[in-house]
Amino acid sequence: MSLLQNLPKNVGPMDRNIRLAAAGVLILAGLMTSSVILDILGLIVLATGAISFCPAYKLFKFDTLNK
């Protein structure tokens, strides 16, 4: 767990809320359609929103935390 706490945050509050809502929609759609891909995608989006860190943002040096 300490590894996750040491990650630099790069997802701002509005971005985080959008990710959490989108994750809920994706997971629900995956469960309703029996689509494992939607469920996995939803879990990834949920995780990035929950820890406020997005690896893709770090790769492209993008940050919504300070906006």
PDB file of N, CA and C in Angstrom:
ATOM      1  N   MET A   1       0.818  -1.201   0.000  1.00  0.00           N
ATOM      2  CA  MET A   1       0.000   0.000   0.000  1.00  0.00           C
ATOM      3  C   MET A   1       0.856   1.257   0.000  1.00  0.00           C
ATOM      4  N   SER A   2       2.039   1.203   0.612  1.00  0.00           N
ATOM      5  CA  SER A   2       2.881   2.394   0.662  1.00  0.00           C
ATOM      6  C   SER A   2       3.365   2.783  -0.731  1.00  0.00           C
ATOM      7  N   LEU A   3       3.464   1.818  -1.651  1.00  0.00           N
ATOM      8  CA  LEU A   3       3.856   2.134  -3.017  1.00  0.00           C
ATOM      9  C   LEU A   3       2.841   3.063  -3.667  1.00  0.00           C
ATOM     10  N   LEU A   4       1.562   2.820  -3.433  1.00  0.00           N
ATOM     11  CA  LEU A   4       0.523   3.672  -4.006  1.00  0.00           C
ATOM     12  C   LEU A   4       0.515   5.050  -3.373  1.00  0.00           C
ATOM     13  N   GLN A   5       0.884   5.145  -2.109  1.00  0.00           N
ATOM     14  CA  GLN A   5       0.891   6.435  -1.434  1.00  0.00           C
ATOM     15  C   GLN A   5       2.036   7.307  -1.912  1.00  0.00           C
ATOM     16  N   ASN A   6       3.102   6.717  -2.445  1.00  0.00           N
ATOM     17  CA  ASN A   6       4.260   7.478  -2.892  1.00  0.00           C
ATOM     18  C   ASN A   6       4.142   7.963  -4.327  1.00  0.00           C
ATOM     19  N   LEU A   7       3.096   7.566  -5.039  1.00  0.00           N
ATOM     20  CA  LEU A   7       2.925   8.023  -6.411  1.00  0.00           C
ATOM     21  C   LEU A   7       2.576   9.512  -6.424  1.00  0.00           C
ATOM     22  N   PRO A   8       3.182  10.260  -7.327  1.00  0.00           N
ATOM     23  CA  PRO A   8       2.817  11.678  -7.422  1.00  0.00           C
ATOM     24  C   PRO A   8       1.411  11.804  -8.010  1.00  0.00           C
ATOM     25  N   LYS A   9       0.620  12.643  -7.444  1.00  0.00           N
ATOM     26  CA  LYS A   9      -0.750  12.825  -7.935  1.00  0.00           C
ATOM     27  C   LYS A   9      -0.721  13.721  -9.177  1.00  0.00           C
ATOM     28  N   ASN A  10      -1.460  13.335 -10.207  1.00  0.00           N
ATOM     29  CA  ASN A  10      -1.541  14.140 -11.415  1.00  0.00           C
ATOM     30  C   ASN A  10      -2.973  14.224 -11.956  1.00  0.00           C
ATOM     31  N   VAL A  11      -3.939  13.788 -11.152  1.00  0.00           N
ATOM     32  CA  VAL A  11      -5.354  13.843 -11.530  1.00  0.00           C
ATOM     33  C   VAL A  11      -6.057  14.793 -10.575  1.00  0.00           C
ATOM     34  N   GLY A  12      -6.612  15.868 -11.123  1.00  0.00           N
ATOM     35  CA  GLY A  12      -7.293  16.875 -10.314  1.00  0.00           C
ATOM     36  C   GLY A  12      -8.666  16.429  -9.856  1.00  0.00           C
ATOM     37  N   PRO A  13      -9.305  17.230  -8.984  1.00  0.00           N
ATOM     38  CA  PRO A  13     -10.603  16.837  -8.408  1.00  0.00           C
ATOM     39  C   PRO A  13     -11.719  16.654  -9.434  1.00  0.00           C
ATOM     40  N   MET A  14     -11.818  17.555 -10.408  1.00  0.00           N
ATOM     41  CA  MET A  14     -12.886  17.409 -11.410  1.00  0.00           C
ATOM     42  C   MET A  14     -12.619  16.189 -12.285  1.00  0.00           C
ATOM     43  N   ASP A  15     -11.385  16.017 -12.701  1.00  0.00           N
ATOM     44  CA  ASP A  15     -10.989  14.859 -13.495  1.00  0.00           C
ATOM     45  C   ASP A  15     -11.257  13.574 -12.714  1.00  0.00           C
ATOM     46  N   ARG A  16     -10.951  13.588 -11.428  1.00  0.00           N
ATOM     47  CA  ARG A  16     -11.174  12.420 -10.559  1.00  0.00           C
ATOM     48  C   ARG A  16     -12.659  12.060 -10.505  1.00  0.00           C
ATOM     49  N   ASN A  17     -13.509  13.057 -10.319  1.00  0.00           N
ATOM     50  CA  ASN A  17     -14.953  12.809 -10.254  1.00  0.00           C
ATOM     51  C   ASN A  17     -15.490  12.265 -11.567  1.00  0.00           C
ATOM     52  N   ILE A  18     -14.997  12.800 -12.675  1.00  0.00           N
ATOM     53  CA  ILE A  18     -15.426  12.307 -13.992  1.00  0.00           C
ATOM     54  C   ILE A  18     -14.985  10.857 -14.177  1.00  0.00           C
ATOM     55  N   ARG A  19     -13.753  10.546 -13.756  1.00  0.00           N
ATOM     56  CA  ARG A  19     -13.253   9.173 -13.869  1.00  0.00           C
ATOM     57  C   ARG A  19     -14.088   8.209 -13.028  1.00  0.00           C
ATOM     58  N   LEU A  20     -14.421   8.610 -11.807  1.00  0.00           N
ATOM     59  CA  LEU A  20     -15.200   7.725 -10.937  1.00  0.00           C
ATOM     60  C   LEU A  20     -16.601   7.488 -11.502  1.00  0.00           C
ATOM     61  N   ALA A  21     -17.215   8.537 -12.054  1.00  0.00           N
ATOM     62  CA  ALA A  21     -18.544   8.374 -12.663  1.00  0.00           C
ATOM     63  C   ALA A  21     -18.460   7.501 -13.917  1.00  0.00           C
ATOM     64  N   ALA A  22     -17.450   7.749 -14.749  1.00  0.00           N
ATOM     65  CA  ALA A  22     -17.276   6.961 -15.975  1.00  0.00           C
ATOM     66  C   ALA A  22     -16.997   5.500 -15.635  1.00  0.00           C
ATOM     67  N   ALA A  23     -16.232   5.271 -14.582  1.00  0.00           N
ATOM     68  CA  ALA A  23     -15.936   3.900 -14.163  1.00  0.00           C
ATOM     69  C   ALA A  23     -17.215   3.174 -13.771  1.00  0.00           C
ATOM     70  N   GLY A  24     -18.073   3.866 -13.040  1.00  0.00           N
ATOM     71  CA  GLY A  24     -19.345   3.263 -12.653  1.00  0.00           C
ATOM     72  C   GLY A  24     -20.181   2.879 -13.860  1.00  0.00           C
ATOM     73  N   VAL A  25     -20.230   3.768 -14.840  1.00  0.00           N
ATOM     74  CA  VAL A  25     -20.997   3.500 -16.062  1.00  0.00           C
ATOM     75  C   VAL A  25     -20.395   2.322 -16.826  1.00  0.00           C
ATOM     76  N   LEU A  26     -19.070   2.313 -16.963  1.00  0.00           N
ATOM     77  CA  LEU A  26     -18.414   1.225 -17.691  1.00  0.00           C
ATOM     78  C   LEU A  26     -18.614  -0.125 -16.999  1.00  0.00           C
ATOM     79  N   ILE A  27     -18.458  -0.150 -15.696  1.00  0.00           N
ATOM     80  CA  ILE A  27     -18.626  -1.407 -14.957  1.00  0.00           C
ATOM     81  C   ILE A  27     -20.069  -1.882 -15.043  1.00  0.00           C
ATOM     82  N   LEU A  28     -21.004  -0.976 -14.875  1.00  0.00           N
ATOM     83  CA  LEU A  28     -22.415  -1.353 -14.980  1.00  0.00           C
ATOM     84  C   LEU A  28     -22.752  -1.853 -16.381  1.00  0.00           C
ATOM     85  N   ALA A  29     -22.256  -1.166 -17.402  1.00  0.00           N
ATOM     86  CA  ALA A  29     -22.504  -1.605 -18.781  1.00  0.00           C
ATOM     87  C   ALA A  29     -21.866  -2.973 -19.021  1.00  0.00           C
ATOM     88  N   GLY A  30     -20.686  -3.176 -18.471  1.00  0.00           N
ATOM     89  CA  GLY A  30     -20.034  -4.474 -18.617  1.00  0.00           C
ATOM     90  C   GLY A  30     -20.806  -5.593 -17.952  1.00  0.00           C
ATOM     91  N   LEU A  31     -21.345  -5.316 -16.775  1.00  0.00           N
ATOM     92  CA  LEU A  31     -22.131  -6.331 -16.073  1.00  0.00           C
ATOM     93  C   LEU A  31     -23.440  -6.621 -16.798  1.00  0.00           C
ATOM     94  N   MET A  32     -24.057  -5.591 -17.349  1.00  0.00           N
ATOM     95  CA  MET A  32     -25.340  -5.775 -18.039  1.00  0.00           C
ATOM     96  C   MET A  32     -25.183  -6.506 -19.365  1.00  0.00           C
ATOM     97  N   THR A  33     -24.025  -6.312 -20.023  1.00  0.00           N
ATOM     98  CA  THR A  33     -23.817  -6.939 -21.327  1.00  0.00           C
ATOM     99  C   THR A  33     -22.880  -8.139 -21.257  1.00  0.00           C
ATOM    100  N   SER A  34     -22.453  -8.504 -20.069  1.00  0.00           N
ATOM    101  CA  SER A  34     -21.504  -9.612 -19.865  1.00  0.00           C
ATOM    102  C   SER A  34     -20.211  -9.385 -20.634  1.00  0.00           C
ATOM    103  N   SER A  35     -19.778  -8.124 -20.694  1.00  0.00           N
ATOM    104  CA  SER A  35     -18.547  -7.777 -21.402  1.00  0.00           C
ATOM    105  C   SER A  35     -17.406  -7.617 -20.397  1.00  0.00           C
ATOM    106  N   VAL A  36     -16.495  -8.543 -20.434  1.00  0.00           N
ATOM    107  CA  VAL A  36     -15.349  -8.504 -19.531  1.00  0.00           C
ATOM    108  C   VAL A  36     -14.453  -7.306 -19.858  1.00  0.00           C
ATOM    109  N   ILE A  37     -14.365  -6.974 -21.130  1.00  0.00           N
ATOM    110  CA  ILE A  37     -13.521  -5.842 -21.548  1.00  0.00           C
ATOM    111  C   ILE A  37     -14.010  -4.540 -20.924  1.00  0.00           C
ATOM    112  N   LEU A  38     -15.314  -4.306 -20.930  1.00  0.00           N
ATOM    113  CA  LEU A  38     -15.855  -3.092 -20.310  1.00  0.00           C
ATOM    114  C   LEU A  38     -15.608  -3.095 -18.804  1.00  0.00           C
ATOM    115  N   ASP A  39     -15.734  -4.249 -18.185  1.00  0.00           N
ATOM    116  CA  ASP A  39     -15.479  -4.348 -16.742  1.00  0.00           C
ATOM    117  C   ASP A  39     -14.021  -4.041 -16.412  1.00  0.00           C
ATOM    118  N   ILE A  40     -13.104  -4.590 -17.180  1.00  0.00           N
ATOM    119  CA  ILE A  40     -11.676  -4.338 -16.943  1.00  0.00           C
ATOM    120  C   ILE A  40     -11.352  -2.874 -17.186  1.00  0.00           C
ATOM    121  N   LEU A  41     -11.868  -2.315 -18.256  1.00  0.00           N
ATOM    122  CA  LEU A  41     -11.654  -0.895 -18.544  1.00  0.00           C
ATOM    123  C   LEU A  41     -12.217  -0.032 -17.419  1.00  0.00           C
ATOM    124  N   GLY A  42     -13.392  -0.379 -16.932  1.00  0.00           N
ATOM    125  CA  GLY A  42     -13.999   0.343 -15.820  1.00  0.00           C
ATOM    126  C   GLY A  42     -13.163   0.254 -14.554  1.00  0.00           C
ATOM    127  N   LEU A  43     -12.588  -0.899 -14.283  1.00  0.00           N
ATOM    128  CA  LEU A  43     -11.740  -1.063 -13.096  1.00  0.00           C
ATOM    129  C   LEU A  43     -10.454  -0.247 -13.212  1.00  0.00           C
ATOM    130  N   ILE A  44      -9.901  -0.166 -14.414  1.00  0.00           N
ATOM    131  CA  ILE A  44      -8.702   0.656 -14.620  1.00  0.00           C
ATOM    132  C   ILE A  44      -9.021   2.126 -14.392  1.00  0.00           C
ATOM    133  N   VAL A  45     -10.123   2.585 -14.951  1.00  0.00           N
ATOM    134  CA  VAL A  45     -10.529   3.980 -14.770  1.00  0.00           C
ATOM    135  C   VAL A  45     -10.841   4.246 -13.294  1.00  0.00           C
ATOM    136  N   LEU A  46     -11.485   3.307 -12.636  1.00  0.00           N
ATOM    137  CA  LEU A  46     -11.775   3.432 -11.209  1.00  0.00           C
ATOM    138  C   LEU A  46     -10.488   3.546 -10.394  1.00  0.00           C
ATOM    139  N   ALA A  47      -9.517   2.709 -10.702  1.00  0.00           N
ATOM    140  CA  ALA A  47      -8.249   2.725  -9.960  1.00  0.00           C
ATOM    141  C   ALA A  47      -7.525   4.053 -10.145  1.00  0.00           C
ATOM    142  N   THR A  48      -7.452   4.549 -11.388  1.00  0.00           N
ATOM    143  CA  THR A  48      -6.752   5.816 -11.617  1.00  0.00           C
ATOM    144  C   THR A  48      -7.468   6.973 -10.935  1.00  0.00           C
ATOM    145  N   GLY A  49      -8.778   6.912 -10.861  1.00  0.00           N
ATOM    146  CA  GLY A  49      -9.521   7.952 -10.150  1.00  0.00           C
ATOM    147  C   GLY A  49      -9.366   7.839  -8.642  1.00  0.00           C
ATOM    148  N   ALA A  50      -9.350   6.627  -8.140  1.00  0.00           N
ATOM    149  CA  ALA A  50      -9.258   6.422  -6.693  1.00  0.00           C
ATOM    150  C   ALA A  50      -7.904   6.844  -6.131  1.00  0.00           C
ATOM    151  N   ILE A  51      -6.835   6.612  -6.875  1.00  0.00           N
ATOM    152  CA  ILE A  51      -5.506   6.979  -6.368  1.00  0.00           C
ATOM    153  C   ILE A  51      -5.023   8.317  -6.918  1.00  0.00           C
ATOM    154  N   SER A  52      -5.837   8.960  -7.768  1.00  0.00           N
ATOM    155  CA  SER A  52      -5.504  10.269  -8.362  1.00  0.00           C
ATOM    156  C   SER A  52      -4.181  10.260  -9.110  1.00  0.00           C
ATOM    157  N   PHE A  53      -3.887   9.154  -9.744  1.00  0.00           N
ATOM    158  CA  PHE A  53      -2.666   9.046 -10.551  1.00  0.00           C
ATOM    159  C   PHE A  53      -2.982   8.314 -11.839  1.00  0.00           C
ATOM    160  N   CYS A  54      -2.556   8.895 -12.958  1.00  0.00           N
ATOM    161  CA  CYS A  54      -2.764   8.272 -14.258  1.00  0.00           C
ATOM    162  C   CYS A  54      -1.400   8.078 -14.925  1.00  0.00           C
ATOM    163  N   PRO A  55      -1.012   6.834 -15.181  1.00  0.00           N
ATOM    164  CA  PRO A  55       0.288   6.584 -15.826  1.00  0.00           C
ATOM    165  C   PRO A  55       0.404   7.234 -17.203  1.00  0.00           C
ATOM    166  N   ALA A  56      -0.692   7.287 -17.944  1.00  0.00           N
ATOM    167  CA  ALA A  56      -0.658   7.922 -19.265  1.00  0.00           C
ATOM    168  C   ALA A  56      -0.381   9.419 -19.141  1.00  0.00           C
ATOM    169  N   TYR A  57      -0.935  10.058 -18.126  1.00  0.00           N
ATOM    170  CA  TYR A  57      -0.657  11.471 -17.892  1.00  0.00           C
ATOM    171  C   TYR A  57       0.821  11.677 -17.610  1.00  0.00           C
ATOM    172  N   LYS A  58       1.407  10.791 -16.832  1.00  0.00           N
ATOM    173  CA  LYS A  58       2.837  10.912 -16.515  1.00  0.00           C
ATOM    174  C   LYS A  58       3.680  10.721 -17.772  1.00  0.00           C
ATOM    175  N   LEU A  59       3.307   9.759 -18.591  1.00  0.00           N
ATOM    176  CA  LEU A  59       4.028   9.491 -19.827  1.00  0.00           C
ATOM    177  C   LEU A  59       4.042  10.707 -20.750  1.00  0.00           C
ATOM    178  N   PHE A  60       2.898  11.378 -20.856  1.00  0.00           N
ATOM    179  CA  PHE A  60       2.787  12.536 -21.742  1.00  0.00           C
ATOM    180  C   PHE A  60       2.988  13.872 -21.020  1.00  0.00           C
ATOM    181  N   LYS A  61       3.434  13.809 -19.754  1.00  0.00           N
ATOM    182  CA  LYS A  61       3.696  14.998 -18.932  1.00  0.00           C
ATOM    183  C   LYS A  61       2.480  15.922 -18.878  1.00  0.00           C
ATOM    184  N   PHE A  62       1.329  15.308 -18.605  1.00  0.00           N
ATOM    185  CA  PHE A  62       0.059  16.022 -18.505  1.00  0.00           C
ATOM    186  C   PHE A  62      -0.366  16.008 -17.046  1.00  0.00           C
ATOM    187  N   ASP A  63      -0.979  17.102 -16.589  1.00  0.00           N
ATOM    188  CA  ASP A  63      -1.341  17.211 -15.169  1.00  0.00           C
ATOM    189  C   ASP A  63      -2.617  18.030 -15.050  1.00  0.00           C
ATOM    190  N   THR A  64      -3.655  17.463 -14.445  1.00  0.00           N
ATOM    191  CA  THR A  64      -4.889  18.226 -14.229  1.00  0.00           C
ATOM    192  C   THR A  64      -5.034  18.631 -12.770  1.00  0.00           C
ATOM    193  N   LEU A  65      -4.068  18.275 -11.945  1.00  0.00           N
ATOM    194  CA  LEU A  65      -4.138  18.596 -10.529  1.00  0.00           C
ATOM    195  C   LEU A  65      -3.960  20.093 -10.282  1.00  0.00           C
ATOM    196  N   ASN A  66      -3.084  20.719 -11.019  1.00  0.00           N
ATOM    197  CA  ASN A  66      -2.766  22.129 -10.795  1.00  0.00           C
ATOM    198  C   ASN A  66      -3.495  23.067 -11.746  1.00  0.00           C
ATOM    199  N   LYS A  67      -4.645  22.657 -12.234  1.00  0.00           N
ATOM    200  CA  LYS A  67      -5.400  23.521 -13.148  1.00  0.00           C
ATOM    201  C   LYS A  67      -6.664  23.997 -12.502  1.00  0.00           C
TER     202      LYS A  67
END
